[in-house]
Amino acid sequence: MLLITCPVTRTDELVADRRIRSVTNHPTHVALGVECPSCGSVHVYRTGRRWEAVRAERAARPAAQLAPA
């Protein structure tokens, strides 16, 4: 079972493993395509320590560094 938050309805949903539609392994994370019971769409959820580390690093940077030159 997975606990997901639907980005469409903003509700937390408990989802059975049989609703997982795809699993893709990336160097920094694992992407799960999950069919949402709330809205019926397939949403992609990313997991992994490296993915979270990159997101935290980008969030900590000042906005001036993120802007393209």
Protein backbone atom coordinates (compact mmCIF):
# COMPACT_ATOMS: atom_id res chain seq x y z
CA MET A 1 0.00 0.00 0.00
CA LEU A 2 1.13 3.53 -0.79
CA LEU A 3 -0.03 6.82 0.67
CA ILE A 4 -0.10 9.46 -2.07
CA THR A 5 -1.36 13.01 -2.35
CA CYS A 6 -3.39 13.63 -5.48
CA PRO A 7 -2.15 16.84 -7.14
CA VAL A 8 -5.59 17.41 -8.71
CA THR A 9 -7.84 17.07 -5.66
CA ARG A 10 -5.16 17.70 -2.98
CA THR A 11 -6.42 14.73 -0.96
CA ASP A 12 -4.40 11.94 0.62
CA GLU A 13 -5.23 8.55 -0.84
CA LEU A 14 -4.26 5.06 0.25
CA VAL A 15 -3.45 3.13 -2.93
CA ALA A 16 -3.02 -0.62 -3.42
CA ASP A 17 0.14 -1.98 -5.04
CA ARG A 18 -1.90 -3.17 -8.03
CA ARG A 19 -2.46 0.49 -8.99
CA ILE A 20 1.25 0.96 -9.79
CA ARG A 21 1.40 1.25 -13.58
CA SER A 22 5.13 1.75 -14.16
CA VAL A 23 8.44 1.74 -12.32
CA THR A 24 11.45 3.48 -13.85
CA ASN A 25 14.89 3.37 -12.29
CA HIS A 26 16.96 6.55 -12.74
CA PRO A 27 20.48 7.27 -11.40
CA THR A 28 19.10 9.70 -8.79
CA HIS A 29 15.63 8.32 -8.07
CA VAL A 30 12.95 5.74 -8.81
CA ALA A 31 9.84 7.04 -10.59
CA LEU A 32 6.52 5.32 -9.91
CA GLY A 33 3.53 5.83 -12.18
CA VAL A 34 0.50 5.35 -9.93
CA GLU A 35 -3.16 5.34 -10.97
CA CYS A 36 -5.01 7.67 -8.61
CA PRO A 37 -8.29 6.34 -7.20
CA SER A 38 -9.51 9.88 -6.58
CA CYS A 39 -9.27 11.38 -10.09
CA GLY A 40 -8.40 8.34 -12.25
CA SER A 41 -5.22 9.87 -13.71
CA VAL A 42 -1.74 8.37 -13.58
CA HIS A 43 0.59 10.52 -11.46
CA VAL A 44 4.36 10.11 -11.25
CA TYR A 45 5.95 10.04 -7.80
CA ARG A 46 9.72 10.13 -7.39
CA THR A 47 11.53 8.52 -4.49
CA GLY A 48 15.13 8.28 -3.37
CA ARG A 49 17.73 9.94 -1.18
CA ARG A 50 19.69 11.41 -4.08
CA TRP A 51 16.53 12.97 -5.55
CA GLU A 52 15.68 14.58 -2.20
CA ALA A 53 19.27 15.77 -1.75
CA VAL A 54 19.23 17.51 -5.16
CA ARG A 55 15.85 19.12 -4.43
CA ALA A 56 17.05 20.38 -1.03
CA GLU A 57 20.26 21.73 -2.55
CA ARG A 58 18.37 23.64 -5.24
CA ALA A 59 15.91 25.04 -2.69
CA ALA A 60 18.79 26.31 -0.54
CA ARG A 61 20.42 28.27 -3.38
CA PRO A 62 19.71 32.00 -3.69
CA ALA A 63 17.41 32.94 -6.58
CA ALA A 64 20.23 34.85 -8.31
CA GLN A 65 22.19 31.63 -8.83
CA LEU A 66 19.19 29.87 -10.35
CA ALA A 67 18.46 32.54 -12.96
CA PRO A 68 19.95 31.86 -16.42
CA ALA A 69 22.67 34.29 -17.50
